Protein backbone atom coordinates (compact mmCIF):
# COMPACT_ATOMS: atom_id res chain seq x y z
CA UNK A 1 -9.36 -12.93 -21.41
CA UNK A 2 -11.71 -10.08 -22.31
CA UNK A 3 -10.54 -6.45 -22.20
CA UNK A 4 -11.14 -4.65 -18.93
CA UNK A 5 -13.43 -2.10 -20.58
CA UNK A 6 -15.86 -4.91 -21.45
CA UNK A 7 -15.73 -6.22 -17.87
CA UNK A 8 -16.28 -2.68 -16.59
CA UNK A 9 -19.36 -2.29 -18.81
CA UNK A 10 -20.84 -5.54 -17.49
CA UNK A 11 -20.27 -4.57 -13.85
CA UNK A 12 -21.76 -1.14 -14.57
CA UNK A 13 -24.89 -2.80 -16.02
CA UNK A 14 -25.09 -4.92 -12.89
CA UNK A 15 -25.10 -1.71 -10.84
CA UNK A 16 -28.00 -0.43 -12.94
CA UNK A 17 -29.86 -3.69 -12.28
CA UNK A 18 -29.30 -3.32 -8.54
CA UNK A 19 -30.78 0.16 -8.62
CA UNK A 20 -33.76 -0.98 -10.68
CA UNK A 21 -34.41 -3.91 -8.32
CA UNK A 22 -33.69 -2.12 -5.04
CA UNK A 23 -37.26 -2.48 -3.74
CA UNK A 24 -37.28 -6.23 -4.44
CA UNK A 25 -33.88 -6.67 -2.80
CA UNK A 26 -35.03 -4.73 0.26
CA UNK A 27 -38.14 -6.92 0.52
CA UNK A 28 -36.05 -10.12 0.47
CA UNK A 29 -33.68 -8.74 3.14
CA UNK A 30 -36.62 -7.89 5.40
CA UNK A 31 -38.50 -11.14 4.77
CA UNK A 32 -35.67 -13.67 4.90
CA UNK A 33 -33.22 -12.05 7.32
CA UNK A 34 -35.41 -9.81 9.46
CA UNK A 35 -33.34 -6.78 8.54
CA UNK A 36 -35.11 -3.51 9.45
CA UNK A 37 -36.16 -1.59 6.35
CA UNK A 38 -34.08 1.46 7.34
CA UNK A 39 -30.99 -0.77 7.41
CA UNK A 40 -31.68 -2.14 3.93
CA UNK A 41 -31.39 1.40 2.55
CA UNK A 42 -27.98 1.72 4.19
CA UNK A 43 -26.85 -1.64 2.81
CA UNK A 44 -27.88 -0.75 -0.72
CA UNK A 45 -25.95 2.52 -0.50
CA UNK A 46 -22.88 0.61 0.67
CA UNK A 47 -23.35 -1.92 -2.13
CA UNK A 48 -23.35 0.76 -4.81
CA UNK A 49 -20.35 2.39 -3.15
CA UNK A 50 -18.43 -0.90 -3.38
CA UNK A 51 -19.39 -1.18 -7.04
CA UNK A 52 -18.19 2.34 -7.80
CA UNK A 53 -14.89 1.55 -6.09
CA UNK A 54 -14.48 -1.62 -8.16
CA UNK A 55 -15.15 0.29 -11.37
CA UNK A 56 -12.12 2.51 -10.69
CA UNK A 57 -9.72 -0.47 -10.71
CA UNK A 58 -7.25 -0.78 -13.58
CA UNK A 59 -5.30 -3.75 -14.92
CA UNK A 60 -2.42 -1.46 -15.94
CA UNK A 61 -1.27 1.67 -14.16
CA UNK A 62 1.52 4.10 -15.04
CA UNK A 63 3.09 5.31 -11.80
CA UNK A 64 5.69 7.54 -13.49
CA UNK A 65 7.00 8.00 -17.02
CA UNK A 66 8.43 4.68 -18.19
CA UNK A 67 7.19 2.74 -15.14
CA UNK A 68 3.97 0.73 -15.51
CA UNK A 69 2.41 -1.77 -13.12
CA UNK A 70 0.46 -4.66 -14.67
CA UNK A 71 -1.98 -6.50 -12.41
CA UNK A 72 -2.51 -10.19 -13.13
CA UNK A 73 -5.62 -12.14 -12.03
CA UNK A 74 -5.17 -14.95 -9.50
CA UNK A 75 -7.40 -17.33 -11.48
CA UNK A 76 -10.27 -18.72 -9.39
CA UNK A 77 -11.16 -16.84 -6.21
CA UNK A 78 -13.29 -18.45 -3.50
CA UNK A 79 -15.37 -15.96 -1.55
CA UNK A 80 -17.16 -16.76 1.70
CA UNK A 81 -19.71 -14.22 2.92
CA UNK A 82 -21.91 -13.74 6.02
CA UNK A 83 -25.63 -13.26 6.59
CA UNK A 84 -25.59 -9.84 8.26
CA UNK A 85 -24.76 -7.82 5.12
CA UNK A 86 -25.54 -10.36 2.41
CA UNK A 87 -25.59 -7.88 -0.48
CA UNK A 88 -22.91 -5.26 0.18
CA UNK A 89 -20.15 -7.62 1.32
CA UNK A 90 -20.35 -10.18 -1.52
CA UNK A 91 -20.87 -7.53 -4.20
CA UNK A 92 -17.74 -5.74 -3.00
CA UNK A 93 -15.79 -8.97 -3.30
CA UNK A 94 -17.01 -10.46 -6.55
CA UNK A 95 -17.28 -7.17 -8.45
CA UNK A 96 -13.58 -6.48 -7.90
CA UNK A 97 -12.58 -10.09 -8.58
CA UNK A 98 -14.53 -10.29 -11.83
CA UNK A 99 -13.45 -6.87 -13.04
CA UNK A 100 -9.79 -7.82 -12.67
CA UNK A 101 -10.26 -11.02 -14.66
CA UNK A 102 -10.85 -13.73 -12.06
CA UNK A 103 -13.43 -16.48 -11.91
CA UNK A 104 -15.42 -16.76 -8.68
CA UNK A 105 -16.86 -19.55 -6.55
CA UNK A 106 -19.14 -17.97 -3.94
CA UNK A 107 -20.25 -19.63 -0.70
CA UNK A 108 -22.81 -17.36 1.02
CA UNK A 109 -24.29 -17.87 4.46
CA UNK A 110 -27.10 -20.44 4.51
CA UNK A 111 -29.56 -17.79 5.74
CA UNK A 112 -28.79 -15.67 2.67
CA UNK A 113 -29.52 -18.33 0.05
CA UNK A 114 -32.51 -16.54 -1.52
CA UNK A 115 -30.90 -13.10 -1.83
CA UNK A 116 -27.66 -14.66 -3.12
CA UNK A 117 -29.50 -16.48 -5.91
CA UNK A 118 -31.27 -13.25 -6.85
CA UNK A 119 -27.94 -11.39 -7.06
CA UNK A 120 -26.47 -14.18 -9.17
CA UNK A 121 -29.41 -13.94 -11.58
CA UNK A 122 -28.92 -10.18 -11.93
CA UNK A 123 -25.21 -10.70 -12.60
CA UNK A 124 -25.89 -13.15 -15.38
CA UNK A 125 -28.61 -10.96 -16.88
CA UNK A 126 -25.99 -8.18 -16.95
CA UNK A 127 -23.69 -10.27 -19.13
CA UNK A 128 -21.44 -12.24 -16.76
CA UNK A 129 -20.93 -15.70 -18.35
CA UNK A 130 -22.71 -18.49 -16.47
CA UNK A 131 -19.53 -20.43 -15.73
CA UNK A 132 -17.52 -17.43 -14.54
CA UNK A 133 -19.25 -17.21 -11.16
CA UNK A 134 -20.70 -20.23 -9.39
CA UNK A 135 -22.74 -20.46 -6.19
CA UNK A 136 -22.25 -23.28 -3.68
CA UNK A 137 -24.13 -23.94 -0.44
CA UNK A 138 -23.16 -25.55 2.83
CA UNK A 139 -21.52 -25.02 6.19
CA UNK A 140 -18.00 -25.24 7.65
CA UNK A 141 -17.19 -28.59 6.01
CA UNK A 142 -18.06 -27.26 2.56
CA UNK A 143 -16.06 -24.08 3.19
CA UNK A 144 -13.01 -26.15 4.11
CA UNK A 145 -13.41 -28.30 1.00
CA UNK A 146 -13.82 -25.24 -1.23
CA UNK A 147 -10.82 -23.39 0.20
CA UNK A 148 -8.61 -26.48 -0.05
CA UNK A 149 -9.64 -27.29 -3.64
CA UNK A 150 -6.72 -27.48 -6.01
CA UNK A 151 -8.33 -25.20 -8.59
CA UNK A 152 -8.96 -22.37 -6.09
CA UNK A 153 -6.09 -19.88 -6.26
CA UNK A 154 -7.08 -17.25 -3.69
CA UNK A 155 -9.65 -16.79 -0.93
CA UNK A 156 -11.65 -13.89 0.52
CA UNK A 157 -13.60 -14.49 3.73
CA UNK A 158 -15.84 -12.37 5.93
CA UNK A 159 -16.95 -14.25 9.03
CA UNK A 160 -16.17 -15.21 12.59
CA UNK A 161 -12.72 -15.38 14.15
CA UNK A 162 -13.12 -19.15 14.41
CA UNK A 163 -13.87 -19.45 10.70
CA UNK A 164 -10.99 -17.13 9.89
CA UNK A 165 -8.49 -19.21 11.85
CA UNK A 166 -9.65 -22.44 10.19
CA UNK A 167 -9.46 -20.97 6.68
CA UNK A 168 -6.11 -19.29 7.39
CA UNK A 169 -4.63 -22.64 8.39
CA UNK A 170 -5.71 -24.22 5.08
CA UNK A 171 -4.46 -21.28 3.02
CA UNK A 172 -1.14 -21.19 4.87
CA UNK A 173 -0.61 -24.88 4.22
CA UNK A 174 -1.45 -24.55 0.52
CA UNK A 175 0.31 -21.19 0.01
CA UNK A 176 -2.88 -19.43 -1.10
CA UNK A 177 -3.43 -15.67 -0.66
CA UNK A 178 -6.17 -14.93 1.90
CA UNK A 179 -8.06 -11.73 2.63
CA UNK A 180 -10.05 -12.09 5.86
CA UNK A 181 -12.42 -9.69 7.60
CA UNK A 182 -13.36 -11.06 11.01
CA UNK A 183 -15.30 -9.96 14.09
CA UNK A 184 -14.20 -6.89 16.04
CA UNK A 185 -14.23 -5.50 19.57
CA UNK A 186 -14.53 -1.84 18.70
CA UNK A 187 -14.16 0.95 21.23
CA UNK A 188 -15.57 4.46 21.02
CA UNK A 189 -13.46 7.09 22.80
CA UNK A 190 -15.44 9.75 24.65
CA UNK A 191 -13.24 12.75 25.40
CA UNK A 192 -13.90 15.58 27.84
CA UNK A 193 -15.08 17.96 25.10
CA UNK A 194 -17.50 15.47 23.53
CA UNK A 195 -21.06 16.60 22.77
CA UNK A 196 -22.57 13.68 24.70
CA UNK A 197 -26.15 14.92 24.57
CA UNK A 198 -25.97 15.60 20.86
CA UNK A 199 -24.27 12.32 19.96
CA UNK A 200 -25.89 9.78 22.26
CA UNK A 201 -28.58 8.74 19.74
CA UNK A 202 -25.97 7.96 17.06
CA UNK A 203 -23.84 6.08 19.62
CA UNK A 204 -26.79 3.88 20.54
CA UNK A 205 -27.37 3.10 16.87
CA UNK A 206 -23.67 2.35 16.37
CA UNK A 207 -23.83 -0.13 19.24
CA UNK A 208 -27.21 -1.76 18.67
CA UNK A 209 -28.07 -1.24 15.01
CA UNK A 210 -29.17 -4.54 13.44
CA UNK A 211 -29.04 -6.06 16.94
CA UNK A 212 -25.30 -5.39 17.07
CA UNK A 213 -24.62 -8.06 14.45
CA UNK A 214 -21.94 -6.14 12.60
CA UNK A 215 -18.17 -6.28 12.75
CA UNK A 216 -18.18 -2.48 12.97
CA UNK A 217 -20.56 -2.32 15.95
CA UNK A 218 -19.39 -0.39 19.02
CA UNK A 219 -18.91 -2.93 21.81
CA UNK A 220 -17.39 -0.74 24.54
CA UNK A 221 -16.92 2.89 25.49
CA UNK A 222 -13.66 4.33 26.79
CA UNK A 223 -14.62 7.52 28.65
CA UNK A 224 -12.30 10.27 29.86
CA UNK A 225 -12.59 10.45 33.63
CA UNK A 226 -13.55 14.14 33.62
CA UNK A 227 -16.90 13.38 31.92
CA UNK A 228 -17.53 9.87 33.28
CA UNK A 229 -20.27 10.96 35.67
CA UNK A 230 -22.08 12.94 32.94
CA UNK A 231 -21.72 10.02 30.52
CA UNK A 232 -23.27 7.58 33.00
């Protein structure tokens, strides 16, 4: 019910807290999840990028003289997030949801319990009311119960294809909006004029960074026949 400028100020303060606590957040990611330190820097950059994107959202937008779009919150949004990027992905989800006037129930991966609680504390220190975002723990059974709950109005999930199918079935049955980001099978196209020698190091990192545990990881190469021998 608060004006969007107040919500925007709170989310902006949260961004300042993330910057001020970046070393502590990096330490938790390394200690609890085994994330290489170089990858924590990348995740924090992505996190702040998601926050900046959320801060550009508007609840009213004039598309032409006399024509205005008004965006209405869903109500309560359930978000389900994974362990591989346990800061950037949830922040991108709940920052946008809160800024546009929704309440949030957040179910992080079990492995990310410590970092999730730390983020929640920073959110509340930044001015988000205690009851506006709640954290719940558990596995698939708890996710199903959360998604099916009568007071949950919309769902955002990042996880496996199996989890996505299960949640989609519940949302379809209940008529709830669902945004799902699932695993990928990404291909990198190598054309005849590619600078193979100059790019190979970045390709290896794209395939094996963080042990390949990313939906954006390169899983296969599609190579133009003319350079196949050089590529091999």
